[in-house]
Amino acid sequence: GSLRLSCAASGHTDIRYPVAWFRQGAGFERRFVALIGKTGVNT
């Protein structure tokens, strides 16, 4: 199946930051999943 996760930002959103998704399973460290650069071009 499929899901779409959303990450909504508030506060100083006029400054564009790179945003990443991490995931953490039970008993595991937090691990990198995906990253998008500040312009949205680089992933």
Full PDB file with SEQRES, HELIX, SHEET, SSBOND, CRYST1, ORIGX, SCALE, CONECT and MASTER records, all heavy atoms in Angstrom:
SEQRES   1 A   43  GLY SER LEU ARG LEU SER CYS ALA ALA SER GLY HIS THR          
SEQRES   2 A   43  ASP ILE ARG TYR PRO VAL ALA TRP PHE ARG GLN GLY ALA          
SEQRES   3 A   43  GLY PHE GLU ARG ARG PHE VAL ALA LEU ILE GLY LYS THR          
SEQRES   4 A   43  GLY VAL ASN THR                                              
SHEET    1 AA1 2 VAL A  19  ARG A  23  0                                        
SHEET    2 AA1 2 ARG A  31  ILE A  36 -1                                        
CRYST1    1.000    1.000    1.000  90.00  90.00  90.00 P 1           1          
ORIGX1      1.000000  0.000000  0.000000        0.00000                         
ORIGX2      0.000000  1.000000  0.000000        0.00000                         
ORIGX3      0.000000  0.000000  1.000000        0.00000                         
SCALE1      1.000000  0.000000  0.000000        0.00000                         
SCALE2      0.000000  1.000000  0.000000        0.00000                         
SCALE3      0.000000  0.000000  1.000000        0.00000                         
ATOM      1  N   GLY A   1       0.805  -1.214   0.000  1.00  0.00           N  
ATOM      2  CA  GLY A   1       0.000   0.000   0.000  1.00  0.00           C  
ATOM      3  C   GLY A   1       0.837   1.262   0.000  1.00  0.00           C  
ATOM      4  O   GLY A   1       2.067   1.219  -0.053  1.00  0.00           O  
ATOM      5  N   SER A   2       0.140   2.391   0.094  1.00  0.00           N  
ATOM      6  CA  SER A   2       0.784   3.702   0.017  1.00  0.00           C  
ATOM      7  C   SER A   2       0.287   4.617   1.127  1.00  0.00           C  
ATOM      8  O   SER A   2      -0.842   4.466   1.614  1.00  0.00           O  
ATOM      9  CB  SER A   2       0.477   4.365  -1.334  1.00  0.00           C  
ATOM     10  OG  SER A   2       0.962   3.588  -2.402  1.00  0.00           O  
ATOM     11  N   LEU A   3       1.137   5.544   1.483  1.00  0.00           N  
ATOM     12  CA  LEU A   3       0.775   6.610   2.416  1.00  0.00           C  
ATOM     13  C   LEU A   3       1.484   7.882   1.971  1.00  0.00           C  
ATOM     14  O   LEU A   3       2.545   7.820   1.339  1.00  0.00           O  
ATOM     15  CB  LEU A   3       1.198   6.289   3.851  1.00  0.00           C  
ATOM     16  CG  LEU A   3       0.371   5.293   4.663  1.00  0.00           C  
ATOM     17  CD1 LEU A   3       1.072   5.012   5.991  1.00  0.00           C  
ATOM     18  CD2 LEU A   3      -1.038   5.804   4.900  1.00  0.00           C  
ATOM     19  N   ARG A   4       0.911   9.012   2.354  1.00  0.00           N  
ATOM     20  CA  ARG A   4       1.589  10.289   2.156  1.00  0.00           C  
ATOM     21  C   ARG A   4       1.707  10.987   3.501  1.00  0.00           C  
ATOM     22  O   ARG A   4       0.706  11.294   4.142  1.00  0.00           O  
ATOM     23  CB  ARG A   4       0.837  11.194   1.181  1.00  0.00           C  
ATOM     24  CG  ARG A   4       1.640  12.455   0.834  1.00  0.00           C  
ATOM     25  CD  ARG A   4       0.860  13.415  -0.033  1.00  0.00           C  
ATOM     26  NE  ARG A   4      -0.154  14.139   0.738  1.00  0.00           N  
ATOM     27  CZ  ARG A   4      -0.804  15.208   0.273  1.00  0.00           C  
ATOM     28  NH1 ARG A   4      -0.546  15.677  -0.943  1.00  0.00           N  
ATOM     29  NH2 ARG A   4      -1.720  15.803   1.013  1.00  0.00           N  
ATOM     30  N   LEU A   5       2.943  11.211   3.909  1.00  0.00           N  
ATOM     31  CA  LEU A   5       3.200  11.943   5.135  1.00  0.00           C  
ATOM     32  C   LEU A   5       3.375  13.423   4.809  1.00  0.00           C  
ATOM     33  O   LEU A   5       3.928  13.773   3.761  1.00  0.00           O  
ATOM     34  CB  LEU A   5       4.459  11.418   5.820  1.00  0.00           C  
ATOM     35  CG  LEU A   5       4.489   9.926   6.147  1.00  0.00           C  
ATOM     36  CD1 LEU A   5       5.774   9.604   6.911  1.00  0.00           C  
ATOM     37  CD2 LEU A   5       3.277   9.489   6.918  1.00  0.00           C  
ATOM     38  N   SER A   6       2.930  14.256   5.729  1.00  0.00           N  
ATOM     39  CA  SER A   6       3.077  15.700   5.588  1.00  0.00           C  
ATOM     40  C   SER A   6       3.867  16.245   6.769  1.00  0.00           C  
ATOM     41  O   SER A   6       3.731  15.762   7.896  1.00  0.00           O  
ATOM     42  CB  SER A   6       1.715  16.387   5.533  1.00  0.00           C  
ATOM     43  OG  SER A   6       0.963  15.944   4.436  1.00  0.00           O  
ATOM     44  N   CYS A   7       4.668  17.259   6.487  1.00  0.00           N  
ATOM     45  CA  CYS A   7       5.428  17.962   7.519  1.00  0.00           C  
ATOM     46  C   CYS A   7       5.127  19.444   7.353  1.00  0.00           C  
ATOM     47  O   CYS A   7       5.628  20.082   6.422  1.00  0.00           O  
ATOM     48  CB  CYS A   7       6.914  17.680   7.356  1.00  0.00           C  
ATOM     49  SG  CYS A   7       7.990  18.647   8.442  1.00  0.00           S  
ATOM     50  N   ALA A   8       4.287  19.967   8.224  1.00  0.00           N  
ATOM     51  CA  ALA A   8       3.874  21.368   8.138  1.00  0.00           C  
ATOM     52  C   ALA A   8       4.755  22.222   9.030  1.00  0.00           C  
ATOM     53  O   ALA A   8       4.960  21.890  10.206  1.00  0.00           O  
ATOM     54  CB  ALA A   8       2.416  21.505   8.541  1.00  0.00           C  
ATOM     55  N   ALA A   9       5.258  23.306   8.472  1.00  0.00           N  
ATOM     56  CA  ALA A   9       6.148  24.198   9.209  1.00  0.00           C  
ATOM     57  C   ALA A   9       5.430  25.480   9.576  1.00  0.00           C  
ATOM     58  O   ALA A   9       4.612  26.000   8.815  1.00  0.00           O  
ATOM     59  CB  ALA A   9       7.383  24.520   8.375  1.00  0.00           C  
ATOM     60  N   SER A  10       5.753  25.995  10.751  1.00  0.00           N  
ATOM     61  CA  SER A  10       5.250  27.295  11.185  1.00  0.00           C  
ATOM     62  C   SER A  10       6.384  28.011  11.912  1.00  0.00           C  
ATOM     63  O   SER A  10       7.381  27.399  12.284  1.00  0.00           O  
ATOM     64  CB  SER A  10       4.024  27.143  12.081  1.00  0.00           C  
ATOM     65  OG  SER A  10       4.341  26.378  13.232  1.00  0.00           O  
ATOM     66  N   GLY A  11       6.226  29.304  12.099  1.00  0.00           N  
ATOM     67  CA  GLY A  11       7.293  30.086  12.718  1.00  0.00           C  
ATOM     68  C   GLY A  11       8.042  30.838  11.642  1.00  0.00           C  
ATOM     69  O   GLY A  11       7.442  31.473  10.785  1.00  0.00           O  
ATOM     70  N   HIS A  12       9.377  30.747  11.657  1.00  0.00           N  
ATOM     71  CA  HIS A  12      10.202  31.459  10.679  1.00  0.00           C  
ATOM     72  C   HIS A  12      10.238  30.716   9.353  1.00  0.00           C  
ATOM     73  O   HIS A  12      11.278  30.232   8.911  1.00  0.00           O  
ATOM     74  CB  HIS A  12      11.612  31.656  11.211  1.00  0.00           C  
ATOM     75  CG  HIS A  12      11.697  32.729  12.239  1.00  0.00           C  
ATOM     76  ND1 HIS A  12      11.562  34.070  11.943  1.00  0.00           N  
ATOM     77  CD2 HIS A  12      11.877  32.662  13.577  1.00  0.00           C  
ATOM     78  CE1 HIS A  12      11.674  34.778  13.046  1.00  0.00           C  
ATOM     79  NE2 HIS A  12      11.858  33.955  14.059  1.00  0.00           N  
ATOM     80  N   THR A  13       9.099  30.603   8.708  1.00  0.00           N  
ATOM     81  CA  THR A  13       9.018  29.850   7.454  1.00  0.00           C  
ATOM     82  C   THR A  13       9.438  30.685   6.258  1.00  0.00           C  
ATOM     83  O   THR A  13       9.449  30.193   5.138  1.00  0.00           O  
ATOM     84  CB  THR A  13       7.603  29.326   7.245  1.00  0.00           C  
ATOM     85  OG1 THR A  13       6.697  30.422   7.279  1.00  0.00           O  
ATOM     86  CG2 THR A  13       7.235  28.307   8.309  1.00  0.00           C  
ATOM     87  N   ASP A  14       9.783  31.951   6.479  1.00  0.00           N  
ATOM     88  CA  ASP A  14      10.298  32.741   5.367  1.00  0.00           C  
ATOM     89  C   ASP A  14      11.726  32.340   5.042  1.00  0.00           C  
ATOM     90  O   ASP A  14      12.239  32.678   3.971  1.00  0.00           O  
ATOM     91  CB  ASP A  14      10.247  34.230   5.713  1.00  0.00           C  
ATOM     92  CG  ASP A  14      10.984  34.551   7.007  1.00  0.00           C  
ATOM     93  OD1 ASP A  14      10.913  33.736   7.957  1.00  0.00           O  
ATOM     94  OD2 ASP A  14      11.632  35.606   7.055  1.00  0.00           O  
ATOM     95  N   ILE A  15      12.367  31.637   5.931  1.00  0.00           N  
ATOM     96  CA  ILE A  15      13.705  31.123   5.696  1.00  0.00           C  
ATOM     97  C   ILE A  15      13.572  29.682   5.228  1.00  0.00           C  
ATOM     98  O   ILE A  15      12.997  28.853   5.900  1.00  0.00           O  
ATOM     99  CB  ILE A  15      14.561  31.181   6.976  1.00  0.00           C  
ATOM    100  CG1 ILE A  15      14.665  32.626   7.450  1.00  0.00           C  
ATOM    101  CG2 ILE A  15      15.934  30.585   6.711  1.00  0.00           C  
ATOM    102  CD1 ILE A  15      15.344  32.772   8.776  1.00  0.00           C  
ATOM    103  N   ARG A  16      14.089  29.382   4.063  1.00  0.00           N  
ATOM    104  CA  ARG A  16      13.956  28.048   3.504  1.00  0.00           C  
ATOM    105  C   ARG A  16      15.089  27.166   4.007  1.00  0.00           C  
ATOM    106  O   ARG A  16      16.252  27.455   3.796  1.00  0.00           O  
ATOM    107  CB  ARG A  16      13.978  28.106   1.972  1.00  0.00           C  
ATOM    108  CG  ARG A  16      12.891  28.965   1.375  1.00  0.00           C  
ATOM    109  CD  ARG A  16      11.518  28.398   1.671  1.00  0.00           C  
ATOM    110  NE  ARG A  16      10.465  29.265   1.117  1.00  0.00           N  
ATOM    111  CZ  ARG A  16       9.328  29.539   1.743  1.00  0.00           C  
ATOM    112  NH1 ARG A  16       9.098  29.037   2.932  1.00  0.00           N  
ATOM    113  NH2 ARG A  16       8.429  30.319   1.165  1.00  0.00           N  
ATOM    114  N   TYR A  17      14.726  26.092   4.676  1.00  0.00           N  
ATOM    115  CA  TYR A  17      15.697  25.138   5.171  1.00  0.00           C  
ATOM    116  C   TYR A  17      15.597  23.842   4.380  1.00  0.00           C  
ATOM    117  O   TYR A  17      14.525  23.494   3.885  1.00  0.00           O  
ATOM    118  CB  TYR A  17      15.416  24.808   6.635  1.00  0.00           C  
ATOM    119  CG  TYR A  17      15.522  25.970   7.578  1.00  0.00           C  
ATOM    120  CD1 TYR A  17      14.386  26.520   8.154  1.00  0.00           C  
ATOM    121  CD2 TYR A  17      16.755  26.511   7.911  1.00  0.00           C  
ATOM    122  CE1 TYR A  17      14.472  27.583   9.037  1.00  0.00           C  
ATOM    123  CE2 TYR A  17      16.853  27.577   8.790  1.00  0.00           C  
ATOM    124  CZ  TYR A  17      15.707  28.094   9.351  1.00  0.00           C  
ATOM    125  OH  TYR A  17      15.789  29.142  10.220  1.00  0.00           O  
ATOM    126  N   PRO A  18      16.674  23.092   4.310  1.00  0.00           N  
ATOM    127  CA  PRO A  18      16.533  21.717   3.834  1.00  0.00           C  
ATOM    128  C   PRO A  18      15.761  20.926   4.894  1.00  0.00           C  
ATOM    129  O   PRO A  18      15.902  21.166   6.089  1.00  0.00           O  
ATOM    130  CB  PRO A  18      17.976  21.220   3.705  1.00  0.00           C  
ATOM    131  CG  PRO A  18      18.753  22.075   4.636  1.00  0.00           C  
ATOM    132  CD  PRO A  18      18.067  23.411   4.645  1.00  0.00           C  
ATOM    133  N   VAL A  19      14.936  20.020   4.438  1.00  0.00           N  
ATOM    134  CA  VAL A  19      14.101  19.214   5.334  1.00  0.00           C  
ATOM    135  C   VAL A  19      14.335  17.741   5.045  1.00  0.00           C  
ATOM    136  O   VAL A  19      14.385  17.321   3.880  1.00  0.00           O  
ATOM    137  CB  VAL A  19      12.611  19.555   5.161  1.00  0.00           C  
ATOM    138  CG1 VAL A  19      11.741  18.612   6.011  1.00  0.00           C  
ATOM    139  CG2 VAL A  19      12.349  21.003   5.557  1.00  0.00           C  
ATOM    140  N   ALA A  20      14.481  16.985   6.090  1.00  0.00           N  
ATOM    141  CA  ALA A  20      14.710  15.545   5.949  1.00  0.00           C  
ATOM    142  C   ALA A  20      13.650  14.767   6.705  1.00  0.00           C  
ATOM    143  O   ALA A  20      13.029  15.271   7.652  1.00  0.00           O  
ATOM    144  CB  ALA A  20      16.095  15.170   6.473  1.00  0.00           C  
ATOM    145  N   TRP A  21      13.445  13.537   6.261  1.00  0.00           N  
ATOM    146  CA  TRP A  21      12.631  12.577   6.999  1.00  0.00           C  
ATOM    147  C   TRP A  21      13.567  11.524   7.581  1.00  0.00           C  
ATOM    148  O   TRP A  21      14.466  11.034   6.891  1.00  0.00           O  
ATOM    149  CB  TRP A  21      11.611  11.910   6.093  1.00  0.00           C  
ATOM    150  CG  TRP A  21      10.465  12.797   5.714  1.00  0.00           C  
ATOM    151  CD1 TRP A  21      10.362  13.578   4.605  1.00  0.00           C  
ATOM    152  CD2 TRP A  21       9.249  12.988   6.449  1.00  0.00           C  
ATOM    153  NE1 TRP A  21       9.166  14.246   4.605  1.00  0.00           N  
ATOM    154  CE2 TRP A  21       8.454  13.896   5.719  1.00  0.00           C  
ATOM    155  CE3 TRP A  21       8.745  12.471   7.638  1.00  0.00           C  
ATOM    156  CZ2 TRP A  21       7.194  14.297   6.143  1.00  0.00           C  
ATOM    157  CZ3 TRP A  21       7.495  12.872   8.067  1.00  0.00           C  
ATOM    158  CH2 TRP A  21       6.737  13.786   7.333  1.00  0.00           C  
ATOM    159  N   PHE A  22      13.325  11.202   8.830  1.00  0.00           N  
ATOM    160  CA  PHE A  22      14.016  10.116   9.510  1.00  0.00           C  
ATOM    161  C   PHE A  22      12.950   9.140  10.013  1.00  0.00           C  
ATOM    162  O   PHE A  22      11.785   9.485  10.137  1.00  0.00           O  
ATOM    163  CB  PHE A  22      14.819  10.636  10.702  1.00  0.00           C  
ATOM    164  CG  PHE A  22      16.007  11.476  10.318  1.00  0.00           C  
ATOM    165  CD1 PHE A  22      15.857  12.820   9.986  1.00  0.00           C  
ATOM    166  CD2 PHE A  22      17.283  10.937  10.288  1.00  0.00           C  
ATOM    167  CE1 PHE A  22      16.935  13.604   9.632  1.00  0.00           C  
ATOM    168  CE2 PHE A  22      18.381  11.701   9.936  1.00  0.00           C  
ATOM    169  CZ  PHE A  22      18.206  13.039   9.609  1.00  0.00           C  
ATOM    170  N   ARG A  23      13.374   7.946  10.351  1.00  0.00           N  
ATOM    171  CA  ARG A  23      12.459   6.998  10.971  1.00  0.00           C  
ATOM    172  C   ARG A  23      13.176   6.238  12.071  1.00  0.00           C  
ATOM    173  O   ARG A  23      14.396   6.059  12.029  1.00  0.00           O  
ATOM    174  CB  ARG A  23      11.861   6.040   9.946  1.00  0.00           C  
ATOM    175  CG  ARG A  23      12.849   5.143   9.210  1.00  0.00           C  
ATOM    176  CD  ARG A  23      12.116   4.382   8.110  1.00  0.00           C  
ATOM    177  NE  ARG A  23      13.015   3.525   7.336  1.00  0.00           N  
ATOM    178  CZ  ARG A  23      12.639   2.837   6.266  1.00  0.00           C  
ATOM    179  NH1 ARG A  23      11.375   2.914   5.833  1.00  0.00           N  
ATOM    180  NH2 ARG A  23      13.504   2.077   5.620  1.00  0.00           N  
ATOM    181  N   GLN A  24      12.377   5.829  13.032  1.00  0.00           N  
ATOM    182  CA  GLN A  24      12.934   5.130  14.178  1.00  0.00           C  
ATOM    183  C   GLN A  24      12.013   4.002  14.575  1.00  0.00           C  
ATOM    184  O   GLN A  24      10.877   4.236  15.009  1.00  0.00           O  
ATOM    185  CB  GLN A  24      13.124   6.095  15.353  1.00  0.00           C  
ATOM    186  CG  GLN A  24      13.833   5.493  16.542  1.00  0.00           C  
ATOM    187  CD  GLN A  24      14.239   6.551  17.555  1.00  0.00           C  
ATOM    188  OE1 GLN A  24      13.713   7.660  17.565  1.00  0.00           O  
ATOM    189  NE2 GLN A  24      15.199   6.206  18.406  1.00  0.00           N  
ATOM    190  N   GLY A  25      12.505   2.770  14.387  1.00  0.00           N  
ATOM    191  CA  GLY A  25      11.769   1.602  14.819  1.00  0.00           C  
ATOM    192  C   GLY A  25      12.073   1.298  16.271  1.00  0.00           C  
ATOM    193  O   GLY A  25      13.066   1.767  16.816  1.00  0.00           O  
ATOM    194  N   ALA A  26      11.233   0.493  16.900  1.00  0.00           N  
ATOM    195  CA  ALA A  26      11.418   0.145  18.304  1.00  0.00           C  
ATOM    196  C   ALA A  26      12.785  -0.518  18.503  1.00  0.00           C  
ATOM    197  O   ALA A  26      13.114  -1.498  17.832  1.00  0.00           O  
ATOM    198  CB  ALA A  26      10.312  -0.782  18.763  1.00  0.00           C  
ATOM    199  N   GLY A  27      13.587   0.048  19.408  1.00  0.00           N  
ATOM    200  CA  GLY A  27      14.883  -0.521  19.707  1.00  0.00           C  
ATOM    201  C   GLY A  27      15.985  -0.134  18.743  1.00  0.00           C  
ATOM    202  O   GLY A  27      17.110  -0.632  18.858  1.00  0.00           O  
ATOM    203  N   PHE A  28      15.680   0.765  17.810  1.00  0.00           N  
ATOM    204  CA  PHE A  28      16.674   1.173  16.829  1.00  0.00           C  
ATOM    205  C   PHE A  28      16.948   2.666  16.949  1.00  0.00           C  
ATOM    206  O   PHE A  28      16.151   3.430  17.485  1.00  0.00           O  
ATOM    207  CB  PHE A  28      16.197   0.858  15.409  1.00  0.00           C  
ATOM    208  CG  PHE A  28      16.132  -0.615  15.106  1.00  0.00           C  
ATOM    209  CD1 PHE A  28      14.971  -1.329  15.344  1.00  0.00           C  
ATOM    210  CD2 PHE A  28      17.235  -1.282  14.596  1.00  0.00           C  
ATOM    211  CE1 PHE A  28      14.907  -2.685  15.071  1.00  0.00           C  
ATOM    212  CE2 PHE A  28      17.177  -2.638  14.318  1.00  0.00           C  
ATOM    213  CZ  PHE A  28      16.010  -3.341  14.565  1.00  0.00           C  
ATOM    214  N   GLU A  29      18.080   3.077  16.412  1.00  0.00           N  
ATOM    215  CA  GLU A  29      18.393   4.501  16.381  1.00  0.00           C  
ATOM    216  C   GLU A  29      17.606   5.160  15.263  1.00  0.00           C  
ATOM    217  O   GLU A  29      17.075   4.491  14.368  1.00  0.00           O  
ATOM    218  CB  GLU A  29      19.891   4.699  16.147  1.00  0.00           C  
ATOM    219  CG  GLU A  29      20.374   4.174  14.815  1.00  0.00           C  
ATOM    220  CD  GLU A  29      21.882   4.336  14.639  1.00  0.00           C  
ATOM    221  OE1 GLU A  29      22.558   4.690  15.614  1.00  0.00           O  
ATOM    222  OE2 GLU A  29      22.359   4.116  13.517  1.00  0.00           O  
ATOM    223  N   ARG A  30      17.535   6.481  15.320  1.00  0.00           N  
ATOM    224  CA  ARG A  30      16.838   7.235  14.298  1.00  0.00           C  
ATOM    225  C   ARG A  30      17.680   7.228  13.015  1.00  0.00           C  
ATOM    226  O   ARG A  30      18.859   7.591  13.036  1.00  0.00           O  
ATOM    227  CB  ARG A  30      16.598   8.655  14.788  1.00  0.00           C  
ATOM    228  CG  ARG A  30      15.523   9.406  14.052  1.00  0.00           C  
ATOM    229  CD  ARG A  30      15.110  10.639  14.826  1.00  0.00           C  
ATOM    230  NE  ARG A  30      14.448  10.291  16.086  1.00  0.00           N  
ATOM    231  CZ  ARG A  30      13.854  11.186  16.873  1.00  0.00           C  
ATOM    232  NH1 ARG A  30      13.846  12.477  16.518  1.00  0.00           N  
ATOM    233  NH2 ARG A  30      13.281  10.816  18.001  1.00  0.00           N  
ATOM    234  N   ARG A  31      17.045   6.865  11.893  1.00  0.00           N  
ATOM    235  CA  ARG A  31      17.799   6.672  10.645  1.00  0.00           C  
ATOM    236  C   ARG A  31      17.261   7.572   9.537  1.00  0.00           C  
ATOM    237  O   ARG A  31      16.051   7.790   9.430  1.00  0.00           O  
ATOM    238  CB  ARG A  31      17.727   5.215  10.206  1.00  0.00           C  
ATOM    239  CG  ARG A  31      18.391   4.264  11.183  1.00  0.00           C  
ATOM    240  CD  ARG A  31      18.283   2.825  10.751  1.00  0.00           C  
ATOM    241  NE  ARG A  31      18.960   1.922  11.674  1.00  0.00           N  
ATOM    242  CZ  ARG A  31      18.961   0.613  11.560  1.00  0.00           C  
ATOM    243  NH1 ARG A  31      18.321   0.030  10.568  1.00  0.00           N  
ATOM    244  NH2 ARG A  31      19.612  -0.126  12.437  1.00  0.00           N  
ATOM    245  N   PHE A  32      18.165   8.020   8.703  1.00  0.00           N  
ATOM    246  CA  PHE A  32      17.827   8.895   7.581  1.00  0.00           C  
ATOM    247  C   PHE A  32      16.990   8.154   6.551  1.00  0.00           C  
ATOM    248  O   PHE A  32      17.264   6.994   6.232  1.00  0.00           O  
ATOM    249  CB  PHE A  32      19.117   9.404   6.938  1.00  0.00           C  
ATOM    250  CG  PHE A  32      18.908  10.122   5.645  1.00  0.00           C  
ATOM    251  CD1 PHE A  32      18.446  11.417   5.624  1.00  0.00           C  
ATOM    252  CD2 PHE A  32      19.166   9.487   4.439  1.00  0.00           C  
ATOM    253  CE1 PHE A  32      18.244  12.080   4.425  1.00  0.00           C  
ATOM    254  CE2 PHE A  32      18.979  10.132   3.238  1.00  0.00           C  
ATOM    255  CZ  PHE A  32      18.519  11.439   3.229  1.00  0.00           C  
ATOM    256  N   VAL A  33      15.994   8.855   6.015  1.00  0.00           N  
ATOM    257  CA  VAL A  33      15.156   8.285   4.963  1.00  0.00           C  
ATOM    258  C   VAL A  33      15.284   9.085   3.669  1.00  0.00           C  
ATOM    259  O   VAL A  33      15.586   8.541   2.614  1.00  0.00           O  
ATOM    260  CB  VAL A  33      13.675   8.246   5.392  1.00  0.00           C  
ATOM    261  CG1 VAL A  33      12.795   7.737   4.246  1.00  0.00           C  
ATOM    262  CG2 VAL A  33      13.493   7.392   6.635  1.00  0.00           C  
ATOM    263  N   ALA A  34      15.039  10.396   3.751  1.00  0.00           N  
ATOM    264  CA  ALA A  34      15.046  11.229   2.545  1.00  0.00           C  
ATOM    265  C   ALA A  34      15.299  12.674   2.942  1.00  0.00           C  
ATOM    266  O   ALA A  34      15.026  13.077   4.078  1.00  0.00           O  
ATOM    267  CB  ALA A  34      13.715  11.107   1.798  1.00  0.00           C  
ATOM    268  N   LEU A  35      15.812  13.431   1.967  1.00  0.00           N  
ATOM    269  CA  LEU A  35      16.139  14.845   2.194  1.00  0.00           C  
ATOM    270  C   LEU A  35      15.784  15.637   0.952  1.00  0.00           C  
ATOM    271  O   LEU A  35      16.000  15.155  -0.176  1.00  0.00           O  
ATOM    272  CB  LEU A  35      17.634  14.974   2.487  1.00  0.00           C  
ATOM    273  CG  LEU A  35      18.286  16.356   2.367  1.00  0.00           C  
ATOM    274  CD1 LEU A  35      17.773  17.278   3.458  1.00  0.00           C  
ATOM    275  CD2 LEU A  35      19.796  16.246   2.431  1.00  0.00           C  
ATOM    276  N   ILE A  36      15.276  16.848   1.157  1.00  0.00           N  
ATOM    277  CA  ILE A  36      15.049  17.756   0.045  1.00  0.00           C  
ATOM    278  C   ILE A  36      15.751  19.072   0.362  1.00  0.00           C  
ATOM    279  O   ILE A  36      15.643  19.596   1.470  1.00  0.00           O  
ATOM    280  CB  ILE A  36      13.548  17.947  -0.242  1.00  0.00           C  
ATOM    281  CG1 ILE A  36      13.336  18.737  -1.530  1.00  0.00           C  
ATOM    282  CG2 ILE A  36      12.821  18.600   0.940  1.00  0.00           C  
ATOM    283  CD1 ILE A  36      11.922  18.625  -2.084  1.00  0.00           C  
ATOM    284  N   GLY A  37      16.482  19.585  -0.624  1.00  0.00           N  
ATOM    285  CA  GLY A  37      17.223  20.814  -0.432  1.00  0.00           C  
ATOM    286  C   GLY A  37      16.310  22.031  -0.335  1.00  0.00           C  
ATOM    287  O   GLY A  37      15.108  21.959  -0.596  1.00  0.00           O  
ATOM    288  N   LYS A  38      16.905  23.170   0.019  1.00  0.00           N  
ATOM    289  CA  LYS A  38      16.109  24.355   0.287  1.00  0.00           C  
ATOM    290  C   LYS A  38      15.361  24.868  -0.925  1.00  0.00           C  
ATOM    291  O   LYS A  38      14.347  25.555  -0.785  1.00  0.00           O  
ATOM    292  CB  LYS A  38      16.987  25.452   0.865  1.00  0.00           C  
ATOM    293  CG  LYS A  38      18.110  25.893  -0.051  1.00  0.00           C  
ATOM    294  CD  LYS A  38      19.069  26.852   0.639  1.00  0.00           C  
ATOM    295  CE  LYS A  38      18.421  28.129   1.054  1.00  0.00           C  
ATOM    296  NZ  LYS A  38      19.371  29.063   1.663  1.00  0.00           N  
ATOM    297  N   THR A  39      15.825  24.556  -2.146  1.00  0.00           N  
ATOM    298  CA  THR A  39      15.120  25.013  -3.344  1.00  0.00           C  
ATOM    299  C   THR A  39      14.143  23.980  -3.882  1.00  0.00           C  
ATOM    300  O   THR A  39      13.368  24.281  -4.781  1.00  0.00           O  
ATOM    301  CB  THR A  39      16.105  25.354  -4.463  1.00  0.00           C  
ATOM    302  OG1 THR A  39      16.780  24.160  -4.853  1.00  0.00           O  
ATOM    303  CG2 THR A  39      17.114  26.406  -4.013  1.00  0.00           C  
ATOM    304  N   GLY A  40      14.195  22.776  -3.349  1.00  0.00           N  
ATOM    305  CA  GLY A  40      13.298  21.737  -3.806  1.00  0.00           C  
ATOM    306  C   GLY A  40      13.801  20.957  -5.007  1.00  0.00           C  
ATOM    307  O   GLY A  40      13.153  20.010  -5.453  1.00  0.00           O  
ATOM    308  N   VAL A  41      14.962  21.337  -5.533  1.00  0.00           N  
ATOM    309  CA  VAL A  41      15.497  20.666  -6.726  1.00  0.00           C  
ATOM    310  C   VAL A  41      16.273  19.403  -6.358  1.00  0.00           C  
ATOM    311  O   VAL A  41      16.157  18.371  -7.000  1.00  0.00           O  
ATOM    312  CB  VAL A  41      16.397  21.623  -7.520  1.00  0.00           C  
ATOM    313  CG1 VAL A  41      17.091  20.892  -8.662  1.00  0.00           C  
ATOM    314  CG2 VAL A  41      15.577  22.800  -8.037  1.00  0.00           C  
ATOM    315  N   ASN A  42      17.065  19.494  -5.308  1.00  0.00           N  
ATOM    316  CA  ASN A  42      17.934  18.385  -4.914  1.00  0.00           C  
ATOM    317  C   ASN A  42      17.233  17.483  -3.909  1.00  0.00           C  
ATOM    318  O   ASN A  42      16.695  17.952  -2.903  1.00  0.00           O  
ATOM    319  CB  ASN A  42      19.212  18.935  -4.291  1.00  0.00           C  
ATOM    320  CG  ASN A  42      19.956  19.851  -5.240  1.00  0.00           C  
ATOM    321  OD1 ASN A  42      19.570  20.993  -5.431  1.00  0.00           O  
ATOM    322  ND2 ASN A  42      20.999  19.330  -5.852  1.00  0.00           N  
ATOM    323  N   THR A  43      17.267  16.183  -4.185  1.00  0.00           N  
ATOM    324  CA  THR A  43      16.691  15.208  -3.267  1.00  0.00           C  
ATOM    325  C   THR A  43      17.674  14.059  -3.071  1.00  0.00           C  
ATOM    326  O   THR A  43      18.481  13.747  -3.952  1.00  0.00           O  
ATOM    327  CB  THR A  43      15.364  14.643  -3.795  1.00  0.00           C  
ATOM    328  OG1 THR A  43      15.574  14.044  -5.084  1.00  0.00           O  
ATOM    329  CG2 THR A  43      14.305  15.733  -3.907  1.00  0.00           C  
TER     330      THR A  43                                                      
MASTER        0    0    0    0    2    0    0    6  329    1    0    4          
END                                                                             
